[in-house]
Amino acid sequence: MINKPTILVWDVPTRVFHWLLVICFAGAWLTAESERLQMIHYAFGYSACALILFRVVWGFIGTRYARFTQFVKGPAEMWKHARALLGSHQDSSPGHNPVGGIVMVGLMLLILLIGLTGYFSVKEFFGDLMGEAHEMISNLALAVVAIHVAAAIMMSFLQKENLVKAMVDGKKQGLPDQGIRYPQYVVGVLLIVASGYIFYLVISGSLPGLTQ
């Protein structure tokens, strides 16, 4: 087995998005049943939706491995990847694999649906239907998150590379010409500031249209 050098794969905005989304999803889940923490629940939920909207944009204009064109593939590519794993082969690309990519997109859609049904529930549209849908989709998203975490652990063993650590420092094994050149620190910092500001606006009641 050839030891490949370490290269930069995940830019700063992609990593910031990932971990802020983890915080928002966990925070929204932990505060879901508390009436006293209702505004915090709203703040986590709407912040998560804002992060998803950013990621959609970044999926078109971001760096190489952040773009949807790099990892959103059809069923044939997904099947090819699954067969390669069974044959102990690895993808040549250090970015998301086709299966992991489609799971990520599915989770993003679920979180947007959670936010939408939550908003409709707050506005009391369609009676109790939206509240029930909100809870059902949240449970489905939690199951997908569990699958995502389990898959990351499994792939870390199969590829002999810590994928969780890679999403922290942005580095993976690959060929020198596969790495990205610019980490995009400025965009990452702006994303942190914007997310914090949105959280503040919601929790302070400055956006009553979303919480009343």
N, C-alpha and C. Protein backbone atom coordinates (compact mmCIF):
# COMPACT_ATOMS: atom_id res chain seq x y z
N MET A 1 0.85 -1.21 0.00
CA MET A 1 0.00 0.00 0.00
C MET A 1 0.88 1.25 0.00
N ILE A 2 0.60 2.17 -0.91
CA ILE A 2 1.38 3.39 -1.03
C ILE A 2 0.85 4.44 -0.05
N ASN A 3 1.76 5.01 0.74
CA ASN A 3 1.37 6.07 1.66
C ASN A 3 1.30 7.39 0.91
N LYS A 4 0.11 7.96 0.87
CA LYS A 4 -0.08 9.22 0.17
C LYS A 4 0.21 10.39 1.10
N PRO A 5 0.64 11.51 0.57
CA PRO A 5 0.89 12.68 1.41
C PRO A 5 -0.43 13.28 1.92
N THR A 6 -0.33 14.12 2.91
CA THR A 6 -1.51 14.81 3.45
C THR A 6 -1.78 16.07 2.65
N ILE A 7 -3.03 16.25 2.24
CA ILE A 7 -3.41 17.41 1.44
C ILE A 7 -4.63 18.09 2.07
N LEU A 8 -4.85 19.35 1.71
CA LEU A 8 -6.03 20.07 2.19
C LEU A 8 -7.21 19.76 1.27
N VAL A 9 -8.28 19.22 1.84
CA VAL A 9 -9.46 18.83 1.07
C VAL A 9 -10.67 19.69 1.41
N TRP A 10 -10.92 19.84 2.70
CA TRP A 10 -12.12 20.58 3.14
C TRP A 10 -11.75 22.02 3.49
N ASP A 11 -12.38 22.97 2.82
CA ASP A 11 -12.12 24.39 3.12
C ASP A 11 -12.75 24.77 4.46
N VAL A 12 -12.38 25.93 4.96
CA VAL A 12 -12.87 26.39 6.27
C VAL A 12 -14.39 26.56 6.31
N PRO A 13 -15.02 27.18 5.31
CA PRO A 13 -16.48 27.30 5.35
C PRO A 13 -17.20 25.96 5.44
N THR A 14 -16.70 24.95 4.73
CA THR A 14 -17.33 23.63 4.77
C THR A 14 -17.23 23.03 6.17
N ARG A 15 -16.06 23.18 6.79
CA ARG A 15 -15.87 22.65 8.14
C ARG A 15 -16.70 23.42 9.17
N VAL A 16 -16.72 24.73 9.03
CA VAL A 16 -17.52 25.56 9.95
C VAL A 16 -19.00 25.20 9.82
N PHE A 17 -19.47 25.06 8.59
CA PHE A 17 -20.86 24.65 8.34
C PHE A 17 -21.16 23.34 9.04
N HIS A 18 -20.30 22.37 8.85
CA HIS A 18 -20.53 21.04 9.40
C HIS A 18 -20.69 21.07 10.92
N TRP A 19 -19.76 21.71 11.61
CA TRP A 19 -19.78 21.67 13.08
C TRP A 19 -20.83 22.60 13.67
N LEU A 20 -21.10 23.73 13.01
CA LEU A 20 -22.21 24.58 13.48
C LEU A 20 -23.55 23.86 13.31
N LEU A 21 -23.67 23.10 12.22
CA LEU A 21 -24.91 22.35 12.00
C LEU A 21 -25.07 21.27 13.07
N VAL A 22 -23.98 20.62 13.43
CA VAL A 22 -24.01 19.64 14.52
C VAL A 22 -24.52 20.29 15.80
N ILE A 23 -23.98 21.46 16.13
CA ILE A 23 -24.39 22.18 17.34
C ILE A 23 -25.86 22.56 17.29
N CYS A 24 -26.28 23.10 16.14
CA CYS A 24 -27.67 23.55 16.01
C CYS A 24 -28.65 22.38 16.08
N PHE A 25 -28.31 21.28 15.40
CA PHE A 25 -29.20 20.11 15.42
C PHE A 25 -29.31 19.54 16.83
N ALA A 26 -28.17 19.39 17.49
CA ALA A 26 -28.18 18.86 18.86
C ALA A 26 -28.91 19.81 19.81
N GLY A 27 -28.64 21.12 19.65
CA GLY A 27 -29.30 22.10 20.52
C GLY A 27 -30.80 22.12 20.33
N ALA A 28 -31.24 22.05 19.08
CA ALA A 28 -32.68 22.05 18.81
C ALA A 28 -33.34 20.79 19.36
N TRP A 29 -32.64 19.67 19.24
CA TRP A 29 -33.19 18.41 19.74
C TRP A 29 -33.31 18.42 21.27
N LEU A 30 -32.29 18.92 21.94
CA LEU A 30 -32.27 18.91 23.40
C LEU A 30 -33.27 19.90 24.00
N THR A 31 -33.64 20.92 23.26
CA THR A 31 -34.58 21.94 23.79
C THR A 31 -36.00 21.77 23.24
N ALA A 32 -36.24 20.71 22.49
CA ALA A 32 -37.53 20.54 21.81
C ALA A 32 -38.71 20.41 22.76
N GLU A 33 -38.51 19.77 23.91
CA GLU A 33 -39.62 19.48 24.82
C GLU A 33 -39.77 20.51 25.93
N SER A 34 -38.92 21.52 25.95
CA SER A 34 -38.94 22.49 27.05
C SER A 34 -39.64 23.78 26.61
N GLU A 35 -40.73 24.10 27.28
CA GLU A 35 -41.42 25.36 26.98
C GLU A 35 -40.59 26.56 27.44
N ARG A 36 -39.84 26.37 28.51
CA ARG A 36 -39.00 27.45 29.03
C ARG A 36 -37.87 27.81 28.06
N LEU A 37 -37.41 26.82 27.30
CA LEU A 37 -36.31 27.03 26.34
C LEU A 37 -36.81 27.14 24.90
N GLN A 38 -38.06 27.52 24.76
CA GLN A 38 -38.67 27.55 23.44
C GLN A 38 -37.95 28.48 22.47
N MET A 39 -37.58 29.66 22.92
CA MET A 39 -36.91 30.61 22.04
C MET A 39 -35.53 30.10 21.63
N ILE A 40 -34.87 29.41 22.54
CA ILE A 40 -33.57 28.82 22.19
C ILE A 40 -33.76 27.74 21.13
N HIS A 41 -34.83 26.96 21.29
CA HIS A 41 -35.16 25.93 20.29
C HIS A 41 -35.37 26.56 18.92
N TYR A 42 -36.14 27.64 18.90
CA TYR A 42 -36.37 28.35 17.62
C TYR A 42 -35.04 28.85 17.04
N ALA A 43 -34.21 29.42 17.91
CA ALA A 43 -32.95 29.99 17.44
C ALA A 43 -32.05 28.92 16.82
N PHE A 44 -31.96 27.77 17.47
CA PHE A 44 -31.16 26.67 16.91
C PHE A 44 -31.75 26.19 15.58
N GLY A 45 -33.06 26.07 15.56
CA GLY A 45 -33.73 25.56 14.35
C GLY A 45 -33.57 26.47 13.15
N TYR A 46 -33.83 27.74 13.33
CA TYR A 46 -33.72 28.68 12.21
C TYR A 46 -32.26 28.90 11.81
N SER A 47 -31.35 28.84 12.77
CA SER A 47 -29.92 28.95 12.44
C SER A 47 -29.48 27.77 11.58
N ALA A 48 -30.00 26.58 11.90
CA ALA A 48 -29.69 25.40 11.10
C ALA A 48 -30.17 25.57 9.67
N CYS A 49 -31.36 26.12 9.50
CA CYS A 49 -31.90 26.34 8.16
C CYS A 49 -31.06 27.36 7.39
N ALA A 50 -30.62 28.41 8.09
CA ALA A 50 -29.77 29.41 7.45
C ALA A 50 -28.45 28.79 7.01
N LEU A 51 -27.91 27.89 7.83
CA LEU A 51 -26.67 27.20 7.47
C LEU A 51 -26.87 26.34 6.22
N ILE A 52 -28.00 25.68 6.14
CA ILE A 52 -28.29 24.85 4.95
C ILE A 52 -28.36 25.72 3.70
N LEU A 53 -29.01 26.87 3.81
CA LEU A 53 -29.11 27.76 2.66
C LEU A 53 -27.72 28.23 2.22
N PHE A 54 -26.86 28.52 3.19
CA PHE A 54 -25.48 28.88 2.84
C PHE A 54 -24.80 27.72 2.12
N ARG A 55 -25.00 26.50 2.63
CA ARG A 55 -24.31 25.35 2.04
C ARG A 55 -24.77 25.09 0.62
N VAL A 56 -26.04 25.37 0.34
CA VAL A 56 -26.53 25.22 -1.03
C VAL A 56 -25.78 26.17 -1.97
N VAL A 57 -25.64 27.41 -1.54
CA VAL A 57 -24.90 28.38 -2.35
C VAL A 57 -23.44 27.95 -2.49
N TRP A 58 -22.83 27.54 -1.37
CA TRP A 58 -21.42 27.13 -1.38
C TRP A 58 -21.22 25.87 -2.23
N GLY A 59 -22.26 25.10 -2.38
CA GLY A 59 -22.19 23.91 -3.20
C GLY A 59 -22.03 24.22 -4.69
N PHE A 60 -22.28 25.48 -5.05
CA PHE A 60 -22.11 25.90 -6.44
C PHE A 60 -20.87 26.78 -6.64
N ILE A 61 -20.51 27.55 -5.62
CA ILE A 61 -19.42 28.50 -5.81
C ILE A 61 -18.20 28.21 -4.93
N GLY A 62 -18.29 27.16 -4.09
CA GLY A 62 -17.21 26.86 -3.17
C GLY A 62 -16.01 26.20 -3.84
N THR A 63 -15.08 25.76 -3.03
CA THR A 63 -13.87 25.12 -3.54
C THR A 63 -14.20 23.72 -4.08
N ARG A 64 -13.23 23.11 -4.65
CA ARG A 64 -13.38 21.87 -5.43
C ARG A 64 -14.25 20.81 -4.77
N TYR A 65 -13.94 20.42 -3.56
CA TYR A 65 -14.65 19.30 -2.93
C TYR A 65 -15.93 19.72 -2.21
N ALA A 66 -16.16 21.02 -2.15
CA ALA A 66 -17.40 21.51 -1.55
C ALA A 66 -18.53 21.54 -2.57
N ARG A 67 -18.21 21.46 -3.84
CA ARG A 67 -19.21 21.60 -4.91
C ARG A 67 -20.01 20.31 -5.11
N PHE A 68 -21.31 20.50 -5.36
CA PHE A 68 -22.19 19.35 -5.57
C PHE A 68 -21.75 18.51 -6.76
N THR A 69 -21.18 19.14 -7.75
CA THR A 69 -20.76 18.40 -8.94
C THR A 69 -19.68 17.38 -8.61
N GLN A 70 -19.00 17.55 -7.48
CA GLN A 70 -17.93 16.62 -7.12
C GLN A 70 -18.48 15.35 -6.49
N PHE A 71 -19.63 15.42 -5.79
CA PHE A 71 -20.07 14.24 -5.05
C PHE A 71 -21.51 13.82 -5.28
N VAL A 72 -22.33 14.63 -5.95
CA VAL A 72 -23.70 14.21 -6.23
C VAL A 72 -23.70 13.45 -7.55
N LYS A 73 -23.84 12.14 -7.45
CA LYS A 73 -23.76 11.28 -8.63
C LYS A 73 -25.05 10.47 -8.77
N GLY A 74 -25.17 9.78 -9.89
CA GLY A 74 -26.34 8.96 -10.15
C GLY A 74 -26.23 7.59 -9.51
N PRO A 75 -27.29 6.78 -9.66
CA PRO A 75 -27.31 5.43 -9.08
C PRO A 75 -26.15 4.55 -9.54
N ALA A 76 -25.73 4.69 -10.79
CA ALA A 76 -24.64 3.86 -11.31
C ALA A 76 -23.34 4.10 -10.55
N GLU A 77 -23.04 5.39 -10.29
CA GLU A 77 -21.82 5.71 -9.55
C GLU A 77 -21.91 5.25 -8.10
N MET A 78 -23.11 5.35 -7.52
CA MET A 78 -23.30 4.89 -6.15
C MET A 78 -23.09 3.38 -6.04
N TRP A 79 -23.62 2.65 -7.01
CA TRP A 79 -23.46 1.20 -7.02
C TRP A 79 -22.00 0.82 -7.23
N LYS A 80 -21.34 1.56 -8.10
CA LYS A 80 -19.92 1.32 -8.36
C LYS A 80 -19.10 1.52 -7.08
N HIS A 81 -19.44 2.55 -6.33
CA HIS A 81 -18.73 2.82 -5.07
C HIS A 81 -18.97 1.69 -4.07
N ALA A 82 -20.23 1.23 -3.96
CA ALA A 82 -20.55 0.15 -3.03
C ALA A 82 -19.79 -1.12 -3.39
N ARG A 83 -19.71 -1.43 -4.67
CA ARG A 83 -18.97 -2.62 -5.11
C ARG A 83 -17.47 -2.48 -4.83
N ALA A 84 -16.96 -1.27 -4.99
CA ALA A 84 -15.54 -1.03 -4.73
C ALA A 84 -15.22 -1.27 -3.26
N LEU A 85 -16.14 -0.89 -2.37
CA LEU A 85 -15.91 -1.11 -0.94
C LEU A 85 -15.87 -2.60 -0.62
N LEU A 86 -16.77 -3.36 -1.24
CA LEU A 86 -16.80 -4.80 -1.02
C LEU A 86 -15.52 -5.46 -1.53
N GLY A 87 -14.92 -4.82 -2.53
CA GLY A 87 -13.69 -5.35 -3.09
C GLY A 87 -12.45 -4.77 -2.44
N SER A 88 -12.65 -4.05 -1.33
CA SER A 88 -11.54 -3.43 -0.58
C SER A 88 -10.80 -2.36 -1.39
N HIS A 89 -11.49 -1.74 -2.34
CA HIS A 89 -10.88 -0.67 -3.11
C HIS A 89 -11.37 0.67 -2.57
N GLN A 90 -10.61 1.74 -2.80
CA GLN A 90 -10.97 3.07 -2.34
C GLN A 90 -11.20 3.98 -3.53
N ASP A 91 -12.03 5.00 -3.31
CA ASP A 91 -12.24 6.01 -4.35
C ASP A 91 -10.95 6.77 -4.57
N SER A 92 -10.73 7.16 -5.82
CA SER A 92 -9.53 7.94 -6.13
C SER A 92 -9.66 9.38 -5.65
N SER A 93 -10.90 9.86 -5.48
CA SER A 93 -11.11 11.23 -5.02
C SER A 93 -11.12 11.28 -3.49
N PRO A 94 -10.43 12.24 -2.90
CA PRO A 94 -10.42 12.34 -1.43
C PRO A 94 -11.67 13.02 -0.87
N GLY A 95 -12.56 13.50 -1.71
CA GLY A 95 -13.77 14.18 -1.24
C GLY A 95 -14.85 13.20 -0.82
N HIS A 96 -16.09 13.69 -0.73
CA HIS A 96 -17.22 12.82 -0.40
C HIS A 96 -17.36 11.73 -1.45
N ASN A 97 -17.68 10.53 -1.01
CA ASN A 97 -18.00 9.48 -1.97
C ASN A 97 -19.47 9.63 -2.39
N PRO A 98 -19.89 9.00 -3.50
CA PRO A 98 -21.26 9.19 -4.02
C PRO A 98 -22.36 8.85 -3.02
N VAL A 99 -22.14 7.79 -2.22
CA VAL A 99 -23.16 7.39 -1.25
C VAL A 99 -23.23 8.40 -0.10
N GLY A 100 -22.07 8.77 0.44
CA GLY A 100 -22.04 9.76 1.51
C GLY A 100 -22.58 11.10 1.07
N GLY A 101 -22.32 11.45 -0.19
CA GLY A 101 -22.80 12.71 -0.73
C GLY A 101 -24.31 12.78 -0.78
N ILE A 102 -24.93 11.70 -1.23
CA ILE A 102 -26.39 11.72 -1.36
C ILE A 102 -27.05 11.70 0.02
N VAL A 103 -26.40 11.05 0.99
CA VAL A 103 -26.92 11.06 2.37
C VAL A 103 -26.86 12.48 2.93
N MET A 104 -25.77 13.19 2.63
CA MET A 104 -25.63 14.55 3.11
C MET A 104 -26.71 15.46 2.51
N VAL A 105 -26.96 15.31 1.22
CA VAL A 105 -27.99 16.12 0.57
C VAL A 105 -29.36 15.79 1.16
N GLY A 106 -29.62 14.51 1.40
CA GLY A 106 -30.89 14.11 2.00
C GLY A 106 -31.08 14.71 3.38
N LEU A 107 -30.00 14.73 4.18
CA LEU A 107 -30.08 15.30 5.52
C LEU A 107 -30.34 16.81 5.46
N MET A 108 -29.71 17.48 4.50
CA MET A 108 -29.95 18.91 4.33
C MET A 108 -31.41 19.19 4.01
N LEU A 109 -32.00 18.38 3.14
CA LEU A 109 -33.41 18.55 2.78
C LEU A 109 -34.31 18.29 3.98
N LEU A 110 -33.97 17.28 4.77
CA LEU A 110 -34.76 16.98 5.96
C LEU A 110 -34.74 18.14 6.96
N ILE A 111 -33.57 18.74 7.15
CA ILE A 111 -33.47 19.86 8.09
C ILE A 111 -34.28 21.06 7.61
N LEU A 112 -34.27 21.31 6.31
CA LEU A 112 -35.12 22.39 5.77
C LEU A 112 -36.59 22.08 6.00
N LEU A 113 -36.97 20.82 5.84
CA LEU A 113 -38.36 20.42 6.08
C LEU A 113 -38.72 20.56 7.55
N ILE A 114 -37.77 20.25 8.42
CA ILE A 114 -38.01 20.43 9.86
C ILE A 114 -38.27 21.90 10.16
N GLY A 115 -37.45 22.78 9.57
CA GLY A 115 -37.64 24.21 9.78
C GLY A 115 -38.97 24.70 9.23
N LEU A 116 -39.34 24.21 8.05
CA LEU A 116 -40.59 24.65 7.42
C LEU A 116 -41.80 24.19 8.22
N THR A 117 -41.81 22.91 8.62
CA THR A 117 -42.94 22.41 9.41
C THR A 117 -42.97 23.06 10.78
N GLY A 118 -41.79 23.38 11.32
CA GLY A 118 -41.76 24.09 12.60
C GLY A 118 -42.38 25.47 12.48
N TYR A 119 -42.07 26.17 11.40
CA TYR A 119 -42.63 27.49 11.16
C TYR A 119 -44.14 27.40 11.01
N PHE A 120 -44.60 26.44 10.21
CA PHE A 120 -46.06 26.26 10.02
C PHE A 120 -46.75 25.90 11.33
N SER A 121 -46.04 25.15 12.18
CA SER A 121 -46.61 24.78 13.47
C SER A 121 -46.76 26.00 14.37
N VAL A 122 -45.74 26.87 14.36
CA VAL A 122 -45.79 28.11 15.14
C VAL A 122 -46.96 28.98 14.68
N LYS A 123 -47.17 29.03 13.37
CA LYS A 123 -48.24 29.83 12.80
C LYS A 123 -49.60 29.13 12.86
N GLU A 124 -49.59 27.88 13.36
CA GLU A 124 -50.81 27.07 13.52
C GLU A 124 -51.50 26.84 12.18
N PHE A 125 -50.70 26.66 11.13
CA PHE A 125 -51.26 26.30 9.84
C PHE A 125 -51.61 24.81 9.84
N PHE A 126 -52.74 24.46 9.27
CA PHE A 126 -53.17 23.06 9.12
C PHE A 126 -53.34 22.34 10.45
N GLY A 127 -53.67 23.08 11.49
CA GLY A 127 -53.95 22.47 12.78
C GLY A 127 -52.74 21.76 13.38
N ASP A 128 -53.00 20.54 13.91
CA ASP A 128 -51.92 19.79 14.55
C ASP A 128 -51.07 19.02 13.54
N LEU A 129 -51.47 19.04 12.28
CA LEU A 129 -50.77 18.24 11.26
C LEU A 129 -49.30 18.63 11.15
N MET A 130 -49.03 19.94 11.14
CA MET A 130 -47.64 20.39 10.97
C MET A 130 -46.78 20.05 12.19
N GLY A 131 -47.39 20.11 13.37
CA GLY A 131 -46.65 19.74 14.57
C GLY A 131 -46.26 18.27 14.55
N GLU A 132 -47.18 17.43 14.11
CA GLU A 132 -46.90 16.00 14.02
C GLU A 132 -45.85 15.72 12.94
N ALA A 133 -45.97 16.43 11.81
CA ALA A 133 -44.99 16.27 10.74
C ALA A 133 -43.61 16.72 11.19
N HIS A 134 -43.58 17.82 11.95
CA HIS A 134 -42.33 18.35 12.47
C HIS A 134 -41.62 17.30 13.34
N GLU A 135 -42.36 16.65 14.20
CA GLU A 135 -41.77 15.65 15.08
C GLU A 135 -41.34 14.41 14.30
N MET A 136 -42.17 13.99 13.34
CA MET A 136 -41.85 12.80 12.56
C MET A 136 -40.58 12.99 11.73
N ILE A 137 -40.48 14.15 11.06
CA ILE A 137 -39.31 14.42 10.22
C ILE A 137 -38.06 14.59 11.09
N SER A 138 -38.22 15.15 12.29
CA SER A 138 -37.09 15.29 13.21
C SER A 138 -36.55 13.92 13.61
N ASN A 139 -37.45 12.98 13.88
CA ASN A 139 -37.02 11.63 14.23
C ASN A 139 -36.33 10.95 13.05
N LEU A 140 -36.84 11.19 11.85
CA LEU A 140 -36.22 10.62 10.66
C LEU A 140 -34.81 11.19 10.46
N ALA A 141 -34.69 12.50 10.67
CA ALA A 141 -33.38 13.15 10.54
C ALA A 141 -32.40 12.61 11.56
N LEU A 142 -32.89 12.35 12.78
CA LEU A 142 -32.01 11.79 13.82
C LEU A 142 -31.50 10.41 13.40
N ALA A 143 -32.36 9.62 12.78
CA ALA A 143 -31.95 8.30 12.30
C ALA A 143 -30.89 8.43 11.21
N VAL A 144 -31.07 9.40 10.31
CA VAL A 144 -30.09 9.62 9.24
C VAL A 144 -28.76 10.08 9.83
N VAL A 145 -28.82 10.94 10.84
CA VAL A 145 -27.59 11.38 11.52
C VAL A 145 -26.86 10.19 12.12
N ALA A 146 -27.61 9.29 12.76
CA ALA A 146 -27.00 8.10 13.37
C ALA A 146 -26.32 7.24 12.30
N ILE A 147 -26.98 7.09 11.16
CA ILE A 147 -26.40 6.33 10.05
C ILE A 147 -25.14 7.02 9.53
N HIS A 148 -25.20 8.35 9.44
CA HIS A 148 -24.06 9.13 8.96
C HIS A 148 -22.84 8.95 9.88
N VAL A 149 -23.08 9.01 11.18
CA VAL A 149 -21.99 8.85 12.15
C VAL A 149 -21.41 7.44 12.07
N ALA A 150 -22.30 6.45 12.02
CA ALA A 150 -21.85 5.06 11.94
C ALA A 150 -21.04 4.83 10.66
N ALA A 151 -21.51 5.41 9.55
CA ALA A 151 -20.80 5.25 8.27
C ALA A 151 -19.43 5.91 8.32
N ALA A 152 -19.35 7.08 8.97
CA ALA A 152 -18.05 7.78 9.09
C ALA A 152 -17.06 6.94 9.88
N ILE A 153 -17.54 6.31 10.95
CA ILE A 153 -16.66 5.45 11.75
C ILE A 153 -16.22 4.23 10.94
N MET A 154 -17.18 3.62 10.24
CA MET A 154 -16.86 2.43 9.45
C MET A 154 -15.87 2.76 8.34
N MET A 155 -16.11 3.88 7.63
CA MET A 155 -15.23 4.27 6.55
C MET A 155 -13.84 4.65 7.06
N SER A 156 -13.78 5.17 8.27
CA SER A 156 -12.48 5.50 8.86
C SER A 156 -11.63 4.24 9.02
N PHE A 157 -12.27 3.14 9.42
CA PHE A 157 -11.55 1.88 9.56
C PHE A 157 -11.20 1.30 8.19
N LEU A 158 -12.14 1.35 7.25
CA LEU A 158 -11.90 0.77 5.93
C LEU A 158 -10.79 1.52 5.19
N GLN A 159 -10.80 2.85 5.31
CA GLN A 159 -9.81 3.66 4.60
C GLN A 159 -8.54 3.91 5.41
N LYS A 160 -8.59 3.44 6.68
CA LYS A 160 -7.45 3.66 7.58
C LYS A 160 -7.09 5.14 7.68
N GLU A 161 -8.15 5.94 7.83
CA GLU A 161 -7.98 7.40 7.91
C GLU A 161 -9.10 7.97 8.76
N ASN A 162 -8.77 8.84 9.71
CA ASN A 162 -9.74 9.41 10.63
C ASN A 162 -10.55 10.50 9.93
N LEU A 163 -11.79 10.15 9.51
CA LEU A 163 -12.60 11.10 8.76
C LEU A 163 -13.17 12.21 9.64
N VAL A 164 -13.36 11.94 10.92
CA VAL A 164 -13.84 12.98 11.84
C VAL A 164 -12.75 14.04 12.01
N LYS A 165 -11.53 13.59 12.20
CA LYS A 165 -10.39 14.51 12.31
C LYS A 165 -10.23 15.32 11.03
N ALA A 166 -10.49 14.68 9.88
CA ALA A 166 -10.36 15.37 8.60
C ALA A 166 -11.35 16.53 8.48
N MET A 167 -12.52 16.37 9.12
CA MET A 167 -13.49 17.46 9.08
C MET A 167 -13.17 18.54 10.10
N VAL A 168 -12.15 18.32 10.92
CA VAL A 168 -11.68 19.34 11.86
C VAL A 168 -10.54 20.14 11.25
N ASP A 169 -9.52 19.43 10.74
CA ASP A 169 -8.37 20.14 10.18
C ASP A 169 -8.40 20.27 8.66
N GLY A 170 -9.37 19.59 8.04
CA GLY A 170 -9.55 19.72 6.58
C GLY A 170 -8.60 18.88 5.76
N LYS A 171 -7.78 18.06 6.40
CA LYS A 171 -6.72 17.34 5.68
C LYS A 171 -7.01 15.85 5.56
N LYS A 172 -6.71 15.31 4.38
CA LYS A 172 -6.83 13.89 4.12
C LYS A 172 -5.63 13.42 3.30
N GLN A 173 -5.55 12.14 3.10
CA GLN A 173 -4.50 11.60 2.26
C GLN A 173 -4.90 11.72 0.79
N GLY A 174 -3.95 12.09 -0.05
CA GLY A 174 -4.24 12.22 -1.47
C GLY A 174 -2.99 12.60 -2.23
N LEU A 175 -3.14 12.73 -3.51
CA LEU A 175 -2.02 13.14 -4.35
C LEU A 175 -1.85 14.65 -4.28
N PRO A 176 -0.64 15.16 -4.44
CA PRO A 176 -0.40 16.60 -4.32
C PRO A 176 -1.30 17.46 -5.20
N ASP A 177 -1.59 17.01 -6.42
CA ASP A 177 -2.41 17.83 -7.32
C ASP A 177 -3.90 17.74 -7.00
N GLN A 178 -4.28 16.93 -6.00
CA GLN A 178 -5.69 16.81 -5.63
C GLN A 178 -6.10 17.82 -4.55
N GLY A 179 -5.14 18.42 -3.89
CA GLY A 179 -5.46 19.33 -2.80
C GLY A 179 -5.97 20.67 -3.30
N ILE A 180 -6.75 21.35 -2.44
CA ILE A 180 -7.21 22.70 -2.77
C ILE A 180 -6.15 23.70 -2.30
N ARG A 181 -6.11 24.86 -2.92
CA ARG A 181 -5.06 25.84 -2.64
C ARG A 181 -5.45 26.84 -1.56
N TYR A 182 -6.72 27.23 -1.52
CA TYR A 182 -7.13 28.32 -0.63
C TYR A 182 -8.14 27.84 0.41
N PRO A 183 -7.84 27.96 1.70
CA PRO A 183 -8.74 27.51 2.76
C PRO A 183 -10.02 28.34 2.88
N GLN A 184 -10.00 29.58 2.37
CA GLN A 184 -11.17 30.48 2.45
C GLN A 184 -11.50 30.86 3.89
N TYR A 185 -10.49 31.35 4.61
CA TYR A 185 -10.67 31.75 6.01
C TYR A 185 -11.71 32.86 6.17
N VAL A 186 -11.68 33.85 5.27
CA VAL A 186 -12.58 34.99 5.40
C VAL A 186 -14.03 34.56 5.34
N VAL A 187 -14.35 33.70 4.38
CA VAL A 187 -15.73 33.21 4.26
C VAL A 187 -16.13 32.42 5.50
N GLY A 188 -15.19 31.64 6.03
CA GLY A 188 -15.48 30.87 7.23
C GLY A 188 -15.79 31.75 8.43
N VAL A 189 -15.00 32.80 8.61
CA VAL A 189 -15.23 33.73 9.73
C VAL A 189 -16.56 34.45 9.55
N LEU A 190 -16.85 34.88 8.33
CA LEU A 190 -18.12 35.56 8.06
C LEU A 190 -19.31 34.64 8.33
N LEU A 191 -19.14 33.35 8.05
CA LEU A 191 -20.22 32.39 8.31
C LEU A 191 -20.47 32.27 9.82
N ILE A 192 -19.42 32.23 10.60
CA ILE A 192 -19.56 32.16 12.06
C ILE A 192 -20.29 33.40 12.59
N VAL A 193 -19.86 34.58 12.11
CA VAL A 193 -20.47 35.84 12.56
C VAL A 193 -21.93 35.90 12.16
N ALA A 194 -22.23 35.56 10.91
CA ALA A 194 -23.60 35.61 10.41
C ALA A 194 -24.50 34.63 11.17
N SER A 195 -23.99 33.43 11.44
CA SER A 195 -24.78 32.44 12.17
C SER A 195 -25.06 32.92 13.59
N GLY A 196 -24.05 33.49 14.24
CA GLY A 196 -24.24 34.02 15.59
C GLY A 196 -25.25 35.15 15.62
N TYR A 197 -25.22 35.98 14.57
CA TYR A 197 -26.14 37.12 14.51
C TYR A 197 -27.59 36.64 14.32
N ILE A 198 -27.77 35.66 13.45
CA ILE A 198 -29.11 35.11 13.24
C ILE A 198 -29.63 34.48 14.53
N PHE A 199 -28.77 33.75 15.22
CA PHE A 199 -29.16 33.13 16.50
C PHE A 199 -29.60 34.21 17.48
N TYR A 200 -28.83 35.29 17.55
CA TYR A 200 -29.15 36.39 18.47
C TYR A 200 -30.48 37.04 18.11
N LEU A 201 -30.70 37.28 16.82
CA LEU A 201 -31.94 37.93 16.39
C LEU A 201 -33.17 37.11 16.78
N VAL A 202 -33.06 35.80 16.60
CA VAL A 202 -34.21 34.94 16.93
C VAL A 202 -34.42 34.87 18.42
N ILE A 203 -33.35 34.60 19.18
CA ILE A 203 -33.50 34.39 20.62
C ILE A 203 -33.89 35.68 21.35
N SER A 204 -33.54 36.83 20.77
CA SER A 204 -33.89 38.11 21.39
C SER A 204 -35.29 38.57 21.02
N GLY A 205 -35.96 37.84 20.16
CA GLY A 205 -37.32 38.21 19.76
C GLY A 205 -37.36 39.29 18.70
N SER A 206 -36.23 39.54 18.04
CA SER A 206 -36.18 40.58 17.01
C SER A 206 -36.81 40.16 15.69
N LEU A 207 -37.16 38.87 15.59
CA LEU A 207 -37.82 38.35 14.38
C LEU A 207 -39.13 37.69 14.77
N PRO A 208 -40.09 38.50 15.27
CA PRO A 208 -41.34 37.91 15.79
C PRO A 208 -42.13 37.14 14.74
N GLY A 209 -41.92 37.47 13.46
CA GLY A 209 -42.62 36.76 12.41
C GLY A 209 -42.28 35.29 12.34
N LEU A 210 -41.15 34.93 12.92
CA LEU A 210 -40.72 33.52 12.90
C LEU A 210 -41.08 32.76 14.16
N THR A 211 -41.42 33.48 15.24
CA THR A 211 -41.59 32.81 16.53
C THR A 211 -42.96 33.03 17.17
N GLN A 212 -43.82 33.81 16.54
CA GLN A 212 -45.14 34.08 17.13
C GLN A 212 -46.24 33.75 16.16
